[in-house]
Amino acid sequence: MISIKTEKKLRKREKMADLTLNALGKKCPMPILMTKKELKKMSPGQTLELIVDDKGALKDVPALIHKTGDIILETKDDGEQITFMIQKA
């Protein structure tokens, strides 16, 4: 059972993205190109939630973020889709 305090923290985390990028159905390299484009528009400290279903993103997104110097705050893979929470550095 989750405590009320923990549940509130989880809800707060879920809502922390400044921008959500839905790349479901897009195959490599589209999710990467879309992510790169959006990150260029963002200010330091802002967060981007990227939602993809291309398993290649598990390798490609961290490689992109390593290049850009931004930060992956969280990665969730539920088997059907992958969600990355990325913070602009």
C-alpha atoms as a PDB file:
ATOM      1  CA  MET A   1       0.000   0.000   0.000  1.00  0.00           C
ATOM      2  CA  ILE A   2       1.325   3.446  -0.946  1.00  0.00           C
ATOM      3  CA  SER A   3       1.217   6.144   1.698  1.00  0.00           C
ATOM      4  CA  ILE A   4      -0.608   9.396   0.947  1.00  0.00           C
ATOM      5  CA  LYS A   5       2.668  11.309   1.121  1.00  0.00           C
ATOM      6  CA  THR A   6       4.304   8.967  -1.426  1.00  0.00           C
ATOM      7  CA  GLU A   7       1.249   9.121  -3.684  1.00  0.00           C
ATOM      8  CA  LYS A   8       1.362  12.946  -3.680  1.00  0.00           C
ATOM      9  CA  LYS A   9       5.053  12.875  -4.581  1.00  0.00           C
ATOM     10  CA  LEU A  10       4.349  10.480  -7.454  1.00  0.00           C
ATOM     11  CA  ARG A  11       1.547  12.678  -8.771  1.00  0.00           C
ATOM     12  CA  LYS A  12       3.790  15.719  -8.557  1.00  0.00           C
ATOM     13  CA  ARG A  13       6.533  13.914 -10.522  1.00  0.00           C
ATOM     14  CA  GLU A  14       4.081  12.848 -13.206  1.00  0.00           C
ATOM     15  CA  LYS A  15       3.093  16.472 -13.820  1.00  0.00           C
ATOM     16  CA  MET A  16       6.571  17.950 -13.898  1.00  0.00           C
ATOM     17  CA  ALA A  17       7.101  17.908 -17.669  1.00  0.00           C
ATOM     18  CA  ASP A  18       7.035  21.326 -19.316  1.00  0.00           C
ATOM     19  CA  LEU A  19       6.484  19.688 -22.698  1.00  0.00           C
ATOM     20  CA  THR A  20       5.294  16.260 -23.855  1.00  0.00           C
ATOM     21  CA  LEU A  21       6.487  14.855 -27.168  1.00  0.00           C
ATOM     22  CA  ASN A  22       4.426  11.937 -28.457  1.00  0.00           C
ATOM     23  CA  ALA A  23       6.522   9.940 -30.931  1.00  0.00           C
ATOM     24  CA  LEU A  24       4.371   6.796 -30.823  1.00  0.00           C
ATOM     25  CA  GLY A  25       4.392   5.014 -34.171  1.00  0.00           C
ATOM     26  CA  LYS A  26       7.537   6.832 -35.319  1.00  0.00           C
ATOM     27  CA  LYS A  27      10.550   4.721 -36.229  1.00  0.00           C
ATOM     28  CA  CYS A  28      14.222   5.614 -35.978  1.00  0.00           C
ATOM     29  CA  PRO A  29      15.517   8.219 -36.616  1.00  0.00           C
ATOM     30  CA  MET A  30      12.302  10.295 -36.279  1.00  0.00           C
ATOM     31  CA  PRO A  31      11.980  10.199 -32.440  1.00  0.00           C
ATOM     32  CA  ILE A  32      15.611  11.314 -32.123  1.00  0.00           C
ATOM     33  CA  LEU A  33      15.259  14.112 -34.668  1.00  0.00           C
ATOM     34  CA  MET A  34      12.025  15.292 -33.039  1.00  0.00           C
ATOM     35  CA  THR A  35      13.614  15.231 -29.577  1.00  0.00           C
ATOM     36  CA  LYS A  36      16.693  17.113 -30.732  1.00  0.00           C
ATOM     37  CA  LYS A  37      14.511  19.801 -32.345  1.00  0.00           C
ATOM     38  CA  GLU A  38      12.380  20.289 -29.216  1.00  0.00           C
ATOM     39  CA  LEU A  39      15.375  20.373 -26.868  1.00  0.00           C
ATOM     40  CA  LYS A  40      16.936  23.184 -28.938  1.00  0.00           C
ATOM     41  CA  LYS A  41      13.838  25.321 -28.287  1.00  0.00           C
ATOM     42  CA  MET A  42      13.834  24.708 -24.529  1.00  0.00           C
ATOM     43  CA  SER A  43      15.424  26.715 -21.726  1.00  0.00           C
ATOM     44  CA  PRO A  44      17.794  25.189 -19.141  1.00  0.00           C
ATOM     45  CA  GLY A  45      15.881  23.456 -16.364  1.00  0.00           C
ATOM     46  CA  GLN A  46      12.791  22.745 -18.455  1.00  0.00           C
ATOM     47  CA  THR A  47      11.678  19.136 -18.811  1.00  0.00           C
ATOM     48  CA  LEU A  48      10.588  17.137 -21.825  1.00  0.00           C
ATOM     49  CA  GLU A  49       8.532  13.963 -21.572  1.00  0.00           C
ATOM     50  CA  LEU A  50       9.235  11.796 -24.618  1.00  0.00           C
ATOM     51  CA  ILE A  51       6.864   8.902 -25.334  1.00  0.00           C
ATOM     52  CA  VAL A  52       7.968   6.308 -27.906  1.00  0.00           C
ATOM     53  CA  ASP A  53       7.236   2.709 -28.866  1.00  0.00           C
ATOM     54  CA  ASP A  54      10.399   2.055 -30.896  1.00  0.00           C
ATOM     55  CA  LYS A  55      12.636  -0.177 -28.752  1.00  0.00           C
ATOM     56  CA  GLY A  56      15.691   1.297 -30.491  1.00  0.00           C
ATOM     57  CA  ALA A  57      15.044   4.449 -28.465  1.00  0.00           C
ATOM     58  CA  LEU A  58      16.372   2.687 -25.356  1.00  0.00           C
ATOM     59  CA  LYS A  59      19.818   2.977 -26.921  1.00  0.00           C
ATOM     60  CA  ASP A  60      19.359   6.008 -29.178  1.00  0.00           C
ATOM     61  CA  VAL A  61      17.876   8.492 -26.701  1.00  0.00           C
ATOM     62  CA  PRO A  62      20.625   8.076 -24.063  1.00  0.00           C
ATOM     63  CA  ALA A  63      23.236   8.435 -26.854  1.00  0.00           C
ATOM     64  CA  LEU A  64      21.600  11.702 -27.992  1.00  0.00           C
ATOM     65  CA  ILE A  65      21.341  13.038 -24.446  1.00  0.00           C
ATOM     66  CA  HIS A  66      24.986  12.190 -23.811  1.00  0.00           C
ATOM     67  CA  LYS A  67      25.891  14.262 -26.903  1.00  0.00           C
ATOM     68  CA  THR A  68      23.681  17.228 -25.996  1.00  0.00           C
ATOM     69  CA  GLY A  69      24.740  17.278 -22.348  1.00  0.00           C
ATOM     70  CA  ASP A  70      21.138  17.195 -21.153  1.00  0.00           C
ATOM     71  CA  ILE A  71      19.916  14.853 -18.393  1.00  0.00           C
ATOM     72  CA  ILE A  72      17.631  11.820 -18.429  1.00  0.00           C
ATOM     73  CA  LEU A  73      15.745  12.050 -15.151  1.00  0.00           C
ATOM     74  CA  GLU A  74      13.733   8.880 -15.627  1.00  0.00           C
ATOM     75  CA  THR A  75      13.095   6.070 -18.091  1.00  0.00           C
ATOM     76  CA  LYS A  76       9.969   3.893 -17.906  1.00  0.00           C
ATOM     77  CA  ASP A  77       9.383   0.879 -20.167  1.00  0.00           C
ATOM     78  CA  ASP A  78       5.998  -0.784 -19.687  1.00  0.00           C
ATOM     79  CA  GLY A  79       6.531  -3.224 -22.558  1.00  0.00           C
ATOM     80  CA  GLU A  80       4.334  -1.293 -24.993  1.00  0.00           C
ATOM     81  CA  GLN A  81       5.762   2.183 -24.745  1.00  0.00           C
ATOM     82  CA  ILE A  82       8.835   3.878 -23.320  1.00  0.00           C
ATOM     83  CA  THR A  83       8.707   7.208 -21.536  1.00  0.00           C
ATOM     84  CA  PHE A  84      11.794   9.341 -21.010  1.00  0.00           C
ATOM     85  CA  MET A  85      11.803  12.375 -18.736  1.00  0.00           C
ATOM     86  CA  ILE A  86      14.585  14.653 -19.971  1.00  0.00           C
ATOM     87  CA  GLN A  87      15.839  17.868 -18.396  1.00  0.00           C
ATOM     88  CA  LYS A  88      17.436  20.546 -20.545  1.00  0.00           C
ATOM     89  CA  ALA A  89      20.888  21.391 -19.182  1.00  0.00           C
END
